[in-house]
């Protein structure tokens, strides 16, 4: 079951893989992000189309959680900065998909494949973890307040 405990366990697993298998850590980071998005949509009883990629899943989750740049009132202090940060959630999901497709687990590689270093995996894992924590905490907070 996807919940805060599951997230913590996946983070431990990914962090343990960074040095020994960056390839697997990158793949797992993308999977965690995708699982978070699917769970939030499922918990809100929203249908998920089979052809939706992580980019579309992120977009739909941001709509549900009212995290799109259009949802931020221009009168809010630092609204432009907040809008940029929220827009970067989509950029993280797109980058995770591209990185995983080229360098992560989940796709077969040929004999000439050369993976990325642990520092790249650490960046991918850190980015995914930050985004997942933000989305999941937002979801839980809104659910507690009866907004979902």
N, C-alpha and C. Protein backbone atom coordinates (compact mmCIF):
# COMPACT_ATOMS: atom_id res chain seq x y z
N UNK A 1 0.85 -1.18 0.00
CA UNK A 1 0.00 0.00 0.00
C UNK A 1 0.89 1.24 0.00
N UNK A 2 0.53 2.20 -0.85
CA UNK A 2 1.29 3.44 -0.92
C UNK A 2 0.86 4.33 0.23
N UNK A 3 1.81 4.67 1.09
CA UNK A 3 1.58 5.58 2.20
C UNK A 3 2.93 6.15 2.64
N UNK A 4 2.94 6.93 3.70
CA UNK A 4 4.18 7.57 4.14
C UNK A 4 5.24 6.54 4.51
N UNK A 5 4.83 5.45 5.13
CA UNK A 5 5.79 4.40 5.49
C UNK A 5 6.40 3.77 4.24
N UNK A 6 5.58 3.53 3.24
CA UNK A 6 6.06 2.98 1.97
C UNK A 6 7.09 3.92 1.35
N UNK A 7 6.79 5.21 1.36
CA UNK A 7 7.71 6.21 0.80
C UNK A 7 9.06 6.12 1.52
N UNK A 8 9.04 6.10 2.84
CA UNK A 8 10.28 6.02 3.62
C UNK A 8 11.07 4.77 3.26
N UNK A 9 10.39 3.64 3.15
CA UNK A 9 11.08 2.39 2.79
C UNK A 9 11.68 2.45 1.40
N UNK A 10 10.97 3.06 0.46
CA UNK A 10 11.50 3.18 -0.90
C UNK A 10 12.70 4.12 -0.94
N UNK A 11 12.66 5.16 -0.15
CA UNK A 11 13.80 6.09 -0.08
C UNK A 11 15.03 5.37 0.45
N UNK A 12 14.85 4.59 1.50
CA UNK A 12 15.98 3.82 2.05
C UNK A 12 16.54 2.88 0.99
N UNK A 13 15.65 2.22 0.28
CA UNK A 13 16.07 1.29 -0.76
C UNK A 13 16.85 2.01 -1.86
N UNK A 14 16.32 3.14 -2.33
CA UNK A 14 17.00 3.89 -3.40
C UNK A 14 18.35 4.41 -2.93
N UNK A 15 18.40 4.95 -1.71
CA UNK A 15 19.67 5.46 -1.20
C UNK A 15 20.71 4.36 -1.09
N UNK A 16 20.27 3.15 -0.76
CA UNK A 16 21.19 2.01 -0.70
C UNK A 16 21.69 1.58 -2.07
N UNK A 17 20.97 1.91 -3.10
CA UNK A 17 21.35 1.52 -4.47
C UNK A 17 22.24 2.54 -5.16
N UNK A 18 22.24 3.76 -4.71
CA UNK A 18 22.93 4.84 -5.43
C UNK A 18 24.38 4.50 -5.73
N UNK A 19 25.12 4.06 -4.74
CA UNK A 19 26.55 3.78 -4.93
C UNK A 19 26.79 2.46 -5.66
N UNK A 20 25.97 1.46 -5.39
CA UNK A 20 26.25 0.14 -5.98
C UNK A 20 25.54 -0.11 -7.31
N UNK A 21 24.42 0.57 -7.52
CA UNK A 21 23.67 0.35 -8.75
C UNK A 21 22.88 1.61 -9.13
N UNK A 22 23.57 2.64 -9.61
CA UNK A 22 22.88 3.88 -9.98
C UNK A 22 21.74 3.63 -10.96
N UNK A 23 21.92 2.68 -11.84
CA UNK A 23 20.94 2.28 -12.84
C UNK A 23 19.60 1.93 -12.18
N UNK A 24 19.67 1.10 -11.14
CA UNK A 24 18.45 0.69 -10.43
C UNK A 24 17.87 1.82 -9.59
N UNK A 25 18.72 2.64 -9.00
CA UNK A 25 18.24 3.77 -8.20
C UNK A 25 17.44 4.74 -9.06
N UNK A 26 17.93 5.00 -10.27
CA UNK A 26 17.23 5.91 -11.19
C UNK A 26 15.87 5.33 -11.58
N UNK A 27 15.84 4.04 -11.89
CA UNK A 27 14.58 3.39 -12.24
C UNK A 27 13.57 3.42 -11.11
N UNK A 28 14.05 3.16 -9.90
CA UNK A 28 13.18 3.15 -8.73
C UNK A 28 12.65 4.55 -8.41
N UNK A 29 13.46 5.57 -8.65
CA UNK A 29 13.03 6.95 -8.40
C UNK A 29 11.84 7.31 -9.28
N UNK A 30 11.92 6.94 -10.54
CA UNK A 30 10.82 7.21 -11.47
C UNK A 30 9.58 6.42 -11.06
N UNK A 31 9.78 5.17 -10.64
CA UNK A 31 8.65 4.33 -10.21
C UNK A 31 7.95 4.92 -8.99
N UNK A 32 8.73 5.43 -8.04
CA UNK A 32 8.14 6.03 -6.84
C UNK A 32 7.29 7.25 -7.21
N UNK A 33 7.81 8.09 -8.07
CA UNK A 33 7.09 9.28 -8.52
C UNK A 33 5.79 8.87 -9.19
N UNK A 34 5.87 7.90 -10.08
CA UNK A 34 4.69 7.43 -10.81
C UNK A 34 3.66 6.81 -9.85
N UNK A 35 4.13 6.01 -8.90
CA UNK A 35 3.22 5.38 -7.93
C UNK A 35 2.51 6.42 -7.08
N UNK A 36 3.23 7.46 -6.70
CA UNK A 36 2.62 8.54 -5.92
C UNK A 36 1.49 9.19 -6.71
N UNK A 37 1.76 9.52 -7.96
CA UNK A 37 0.74 10.16 -8.80
C UNK A 37 -0.48 9.26 -8.97
N UNK A 38 -0.25 8.00 -9.28
CA UNK A 38 -1.36 7.07 -9.50
C UNK A 38 -2.19 6.90 -8.23
N UNK A 39 -1.53 6.83 -7.09
CA UNK A 39 -2.25 6.67 -5.83
C UNK A 39 -3.12 7.88 -5.54
N UNK A 40 -2.59 9.06 -5.73
CA UNK A 40 -3.38 10.28 -5.48
C UNK A 40 -4.60 10.32 -6.40
N UNK A 41 -4.41 9.99 -7.66
CA UNK A 41 -5.55 9.98 -8.59
C UNK A 41 -6.56 8.90 -8.19
N UNK A 42 -6.08 7.71 -7.85
CA UNK A 42 -6.98 6.63 -7.43
C UNK A 42 -7.74 6.98 -6.16
N UNK A 43 -7.05 7.58 -5.21
CA UNK A 43 -7.70 7.97 -3.95
C UNK A 43 -8.79 9.02 -4.17
N UNK A 44 -8.67 9.76 -5.25
CA UNK A 44 -9.68 10.75 -5.60
C UNK A 44 -10.69 10.20 -6.60
N UNK A 45 -10.62 8.88 -6.82
CA UNK A 45 -11.55 8.17 -7.71
C UNK A 45 -11.56 8.75 -9.13
N UNK A 46 -10.39 9.15 -9.58
CA UNK A 46 -10.25 9.68 -10.93
C UNK A 46 -9.69 8.59 -11.84
N UNK A 47 -10.28 8.44 -13.01
CA UNK A 47 -9.80 7.40 -13.93
C UNK A 47 -8.41 7.74 -14.48
N UNK A 48 -7.61 6.70 -14.64
CA UNK A 48 -6.28 6.85 -15.23
C UNK A 48 -6.29 6.11 -16.55
N UNK A 49 -5.96 6.82 -17.60
CA UNK A 49 -5.91 6.20 -18.93
C UNK A 49 -4.63 5.37 -19.06
N UNK A 50 -4.73 4.24 -19.74
CA UNK A 50 -3.57 3.36 -19.92
C UNK A 50 -2.41 4.02 -20.64
N UNK A 51 -2.70 4.98 -21.49
CA UNK A 51 -1.63 5.60 -22.28
C UNK A 51 -1.01 6.83 -21.60
N UNK A 52 -1.41 7.12 -20.37
CA UNK A 52 -0.83 8.26 -19.67
C UNK A 52 0.58 7.93 -19.21
N UNK A 53 1.51 8.80 -19.53
CA UNK A 53 2.87 8.65 -19.04
C UNK A 53 3.01 9.45 -17.74
N UNK A 54 4.19 9.45 -17.18
CA UNK A 54 4.40 10.14 -15.91
C UNK A 54 4.17 11.64 -16.03
N UNK A 55 4.42 12.18 -17.21
CA UNK A 55 4.20 13.61 -17.42
C UNK A 55 2.72 13.94 -17.32
N UNK A 56 1.89 13.15 -17.96
CA UNK A 56 0.44 13.36 -17.90
C UNK A 56 -0.09 13.09 -16.49
N UNK A 57 0.43 12.05 -15.84
CA UNK A 57 0.00 11.75 -14.47
C UNK A 57 0.30 12.94 -13.54
N UNK A 58 1.48 13.51 -13.69
CA UNK A 58 1.86 14.66 -12.86
C UNK A 58 0.94 15.84 -13.12
N UNK A 59 0.64 16.08 -14.38
CA UNK A 59 -0.25 17.18 -14.75
C UNK A 59 -1.63 17.01 -14.11
N UNK A 60 -2.16 15.79 -14.17
CA UNK A 60 -3.48 15.52 -13.59
C UNK A 60 -3.47 15.65 -12.07
N UNK A 61 -2.41 15.19 -11.43
CA UNK A 61 -2.29 15.31 -9.98
C UNK A 61 -2.21 16.78 -9.58
N UNK A 62 -1.45 17.55 -10.31
CA UNK A 62 -1.34 18.98 -10.00
C UNK A 62 -2.69 19.69 -10.13
N UNK A 63 -3.49 19.27 -11.10
CA UNK A 63 -4.84 19.84 -11.24
C UNK A 63 -5.69 19.50 -10.02
N UNK A 64 -5.69 18.22 -9.62
CA UNK A 64 -6.50 17.76 -8.49
C UNK A 64 -6.10 18.48 -7.21
N UNK A 65 -4.80 18.64 -7.01
CA UNK A 65 -4.31 19.26 -5.78
C UNK A 65 -4.25 20.78 -5.86
N UNK A 66 -4.68 21.31 -7.00
CA UNK A 66 -4.66 22.76 -7.23
C UNK A 66 -3.24 23.32 -7.07
N UNK A 67 -2.33 22.66 -7.77
CA UNK A 67 -0.92 23.05 -7.74
C UNK A 67 -0.43 23.54 -9.09
N UNK A 68 -1.34 23.96 -9.93
CA UNK A 68 -0.91 24.50 -11.22
C UNK A 68 -0.60 25.98 -11.03
N UNK A 69 0.24 26.55 -11.86
CA UNK A 69 0.52 27.98 -11.74
C UNK A 69 -0.76 28.84 -11.78
N UNK A 70 -1.77 28.40 -12.53
CA UNK A 70 -3.03 29.16 -12.61
C UNK A 70 -3.79 29.17 -11.29
N UNK A 71 -3.50 28.21 -10.41
CA UNK A 71 -4.19 28.12 -9.12
C UNK A 71 -3.64 29.10 -8.08
N UNK A 72 -2.52 29.73 -8.40
CA UNK A 72 -1.89 30.64 -7.44
C UNK A 72 -2.36 32.07 -7.70
N UNK A 73 -2.91 32.67 -6.68
CA UNK A 73 -3.39 34.04 -6.76
C UNK A 73 -2.21 34.99 -6.94
N UNK A 74 -2.32 35.88 -7.91
CA UNK A 74 -1.24 36.83 -8.18
C UNK A 74 -0.97 37.76 -6.99
N UNK A 75 -1.95 37.91 -6.11
CA UNK A 75 -1.78 38.79 -4.95
C UNK A 75 -0.92 38.15 -3.86
N UNK A 76 -0.71 36.85 -3.95
CA UNK A 76 0.09 36.15 -2.94
C UNK A 76 1.55 36.60 -3.06
N UNK A 77 2.16 36.85 -1.90
CA UNK A 77 3.57 37.26 -1.89
C UNK A 77 4.41 36.18 -2.58
N UNK A 78 5.31 36.58 -3.43
CA UNK A 78 6.21 35.68 -4.17
C UNK A 78 5.45 34.73 -5.10
N UNK A 79 4.29 35.17 -5.59
CA UNK A 79 3.47 34.30 -6.44
C UNK A 79 4.23 33.85 -7.69
N UNK A 80 5.03 34.72 -8.28
CA UNK A 80 5.80 34.33 -9.47
C UNK A 80 6.78 33.21 -9.15
N UNK A 81 7.42 33.30 -8.01
CA UNK A 81 8.37 32.27 -7.60
C UNK A 81 7.65 30.96 -7.32
N UNK A 82 6.52 31.03 -6.65
CA UNK A 82 5.73 29.83 -6.36
C UNK A 82 5.28 29.18 -7.66
N UNK A 83 4.83 29.98 -8.60
CA UNK A 83 4.38 29.46 -9.90
C UNK A 83 5.52 28.75 -10.63
N UNK A 84 6.70 29.32 -10.58
CA UNK A 84 7.86 28.69 -11.23
C UNK A 84 8.17 27.35 -10.58
N UNK A 85 8.17 27.32 -9.26
CA UNK A 85 8.44 26.07 -8.55
C UNK A 85 7.42 25.00 -8.90
N UNK A 86 6.15 25.38 -8.91
CA UNK A 86 5.10 24.41 -9.24
C UNK A 86 5.24 23.93 -10.68
N UNK A 87 5.61 24.82 -11.58
CA UNK A 87 5.85 24.43 -12.96
C UNK A 87 6.99 23.44 -13.09
N UNK A 88 7.93 23.52 -12.17
CA UNK A 88 9.07 22.61 -12.20
C UNK A 88 8.70 21.19 -11.78
N UNK A 89 7.56 20.99 -11.14
CA UNK A 89 7.13 19.61 -10.85
C UNK A 89 6.97 18.83 -12.15
N UNK A 90 6.41 19.47 -13.16
CA UNK A 90 6.27 18.81 -14.47
C UNK A 90 7.63 18.58 -15.10
N UNK A 91 8.52 19.53 -14.93
CA UNK A 91 9.87 19.36 -15.49
C UNK A 91 10.59 18.20 -14.83
N UNK A 92 10.41 18.02 -13.53
CA UNK A 92 11.03 16.89 -12.83
C UNK A 92 10.48 15.58 -13.37
N UNK A 93 9.17 15.50 -13.54
CA UNK A 93 8.60 14.24 -14.03
C UNK A 93 9.09 13.93 -15.44
N UNK A 94 9.17 14.93 -16.29
CA UNK A 94 9.66 14.72 -17.65
C UNK A 94 11.12 14.29 -17.63
N UNK A 95 11.93 14.95 -16.83
CA UNK A 95 13.35 14.61 -16.75
C UNK A 95 13.54 13.21 -16.18
N UNK A 96 12.73 12.84 -15.19
CA UNK A 96 12.83 11.49 -14.63
C UNK A 96 12.52 10.44 -15.68
N UNK A 97 11.49 10.69 -16.48
CA UNK A 97 11.13 9.74 -17.53
C UNK A 97 12.25 9.61 -18.55
N UNK A 98 12.81 10.73 -18.97
CA UNK A 98 13.88 10.71 -19.97
C UNK A 98 15.13 10.03 -19.42
N UNK A 99 15.49 10.34 -18.18
CA UNK A 99 16.67 9.76 -17.57
C UNK A 99 16.51 8.25 -17.38
N UNK A 100 15.36 7.85 -16.90
CA UNK A 100 15.10 6.43 -16.70
C UNK A 100 15.11 5.68 -18.03
N UNK A 101 14.54 6.27 -19.08
CA UNK A 101 14.52 5.60 -20.38
C UNK A 101 15.93 5.39 -20.92
N UNK A 102 16.81 6.35 -20.69
CA UNK A 102 18.17 6.25 -21.22
C UNK A 102 19.14 5.54 -20.28
N UNK A 103 18.96 5.74 -18.97
CA UNK A 103 19.96 5.25 -18.03
C UNK A 103 19.43 4.44 -16.86
N UNK A 104 18.14 4.26 -16.76
CA UNK A 104 17.59 3.55 -15.61
C UNK A 104 17.15 2.15 -15.95
N UNK A 105 16.73 1.43 -14.93
CA UNK A 105 16.23 0.08 -15.14
C UNK A 105 14.87 0.16 -15.82
N UNK A 106 14.45 -0.93 -16.38
CA UNK A 106 13.14 -0.96 -17.01
C UNK A 106 13.20 -1.14 -18.50
N UNK A 107 14.34 -0.86 -19.10
CA UNK A 107 14.53 -1.07 -20.53
C UNK A 107 15.84 -1.82 -20.71
N UNK A 108 15.84 -2.79 -21.60
CA UNK A 108 17.07 -3.53 -21.88
C UNK A 108 18.12 -2.62 -22.49
N UNK A 109 19.36 -2.90 -22.20
CA UNK A 109 20.48 -2.12 -22.73
C UNK A 109 21.39 -3.06 -23.52
N UNK A 110 22.11 -2.50 -24.48
CA UNK A 110 23.03 -3.32 -25.26
C UNK A 110 24.38 -3.44 -24.55
N UNK A 111 25.28 -4.22 -25.14
CA UNK A 111 26.58 -4.49 -24.52
C UNK A 111 27.45 -3.25 -24.39
N UNK A 112 27.17 -2.22 -25.14
CA UNK A 112 27.96 -0.98 -25.11
C UNK A 112 27.43 0.02 -24.08
N UNK A 113 26.37 -0.33 -23.40
CA UNK A 113 25.75 0.59 -22.44
C UNK A 113 26.73 0.99 -21.35
N UNK A 114 26.81 2.28 -21.10
CA UNK A 114 27.60 2.81 -20.00
C UNK A 114 26.66 3.67 -19.16
N UNK A 115 26.48 3.26 -17.93
CA UNK A 115 25.55 3.96 -17.05
C UNK A 115 26.11 5.25 -16.50
N UNK A 116 25.29 5.92 -15.75
CA UNK A 116 25.69 7.17 -15.11
C UNK A 116 26.36 6.89 -13.77
N UNK A 117 27.00 7.89 -13.24
CA UNK A 117 27.70 7.74 -11.96
C UNK A 117 26.72 7.89 -10.80
N UNK A 118 27.16 7.52 -9.60
CA UNK A 118 26.30 7.69 -8.42
C UNK A 118 25.82 9.12 -8.21
N UNK A 119 26.62 10.10 -8.59
CA UNK A 119 26.19 11.49 -8.37
C UNK A 119 24.96 11.82 -9.21
N UNK A 120 24.87 11.25 -10.40
CA UNK A 120 23.69 11.46 -11.23
C UNK A 120 22.47 10.77 -10.63
N UNK A 121 22.69 9.57 -10.12
CA UNK A 121 21.60 8.84 -9.47
C UNK A 121 21.13 9.59 -8.23
N UNK A 122 22.08 10.16 -7.50
CA UNK A 122 21.73 10.92 -6.29
C UNK A 122 20.86 12.13 -6.66
N UNK A 123 21.19 12.79 -7.76
CA UNK A 123 20.38 13.92 -8.22
C UNK A 123 18.98 13.46 -8.61
N UNK A 124 18.89 12.36 -9.33
CA UNK A 124 17.58 11.83 -9.75
C UNK A 124 16.75 11.42 -8.54
N UNK A 125 17.36 10.68 -7.63
CA UNK A 125 16.65 10.22 -6.43
C UNK A 125 16.23 11.42 -5.59
N UNK A 126 17.13 12.36 -5.37
CA UNK A 126 16.81 13.54 -4.57
C UNK A 126 15.68 14.36 -5.16
N UNK A 127 15.70 14.53 -6.47
CA UNK A 127 14.63 15.29 -7.14
C UNK A 127 13.29 14.59 -7.01
N UNK A 128 13.30 13.28 -7.26
CA UNK A 128 12.05 12.51 -7.17
C UNK A 128 11.52 12.51 -5.74
N UNK A 129 12.39 12.30 -4.78
CA UNK A 129 11.97 12.26 -3.37
C UNK A 129 11.37 13.59 -2.95
N UNK A 130 12.00 14.68 -3.32
CA UNK A 130 11.47 16.00 -2.97
C UNK A 130 10.08 16.21 -3.57
N UNK A 131 9.93 15.86 -4.84
CA UNK A 131 8.63 16.02 -5.51
C UNK A 131 7.57 15.12 -4.88
N UNK A 132 7.94 13.87 -4.60
CA UNK A 132 6.99 12.92 -4.00
C UNK A 132 6.56 13.40 -2.62
N UNK A 133 7.52 13.81 -1.80
CA UNK A 133 7.16 14.32 -0.47
C UNK A 133 6.19 15.50 -0.59
N UNK A 134 6.48 16.41 -1.48
CA UNK A 134 5.62 17.59 -1.64
C UNK A 134 4.22 17.19 -2.08
N UNK A 135 4.12 16.35 -3.10
CA UNK A 135 2.80 15.93 -3.60
C UNK A 135 2.04 15.15 -2.53
N UNK A 136 2.71 14.20 -1.89
CA UNK A 136 2.03 13.35 -0.90
C UNK A 136 1.61 14.16 0.33
N UNK A 137 2.47 15.04 0.82
CA UNK A 137 2.12 15.87 1.97
C UNK A 137 0.97 16.82 1.63
N UNK A 138 0.98 17.35 0.42
CA UNK A 138 -0.13 18.21 -0.02
C UNK A 138 -1.42 17.42 -0.06
N UNK A 139 -1.36 16.22 -0.63
CA UNK A 139 -2.54 15.35 -0.69
C UNK A 139 -3.07 15.05 0.71
N UNK A 140 -2.19 14.63 1.62
CA UNK A 140 -2.63 14.29 2.97
C UNK A 140 -3.21 15.50 3.70
N UNK A 141 -2.58 16.65 3.55
CA UNK A 141 -3.08 17.86 4.21
C UNK A 141 -4.46 18.24 3.68
N UNK A 142 -4.63 18.19 2.37
CA UNK A 142 -5.93 18.54 1.78
C UNK A 142 -7.00 17.52 2.17
N UNK A 143 -6.63 16.27 2.24
CA UNK A 143 -7.60 15.23 2.64
C UNK A 143 -8.03 15.45 4.09
N UNK A 144 -7.08 15.76 4.97
CA UNK A 144 -7.40 16.01 6.38
C UNK A 144 -8.35 17.19 6.54
N UNK A 145 -8.16 18.19 5.72
CA UNK A 145 -8.99 19.40 5.80
C UNK A 145 -10.29 19.27 5.03
N UNK A 146 -10.52 18.11 4.42
CA UNK A 146 -11.76 17.88 3.69
C UNK A 146 -11.83 18.57 2.35
N UNK A 147 -10.69 18.92 1.80
CA UNK A 147 -10.67 19.61 0.51
C UNK A 147 -10.67 18.65 -0.66
N UNK A 148 -10.49 17.39 -0.38
CA UNK A 148 -10.50 16.38 -1.45
C UNK A 148 -11.65 15.42 -1.23
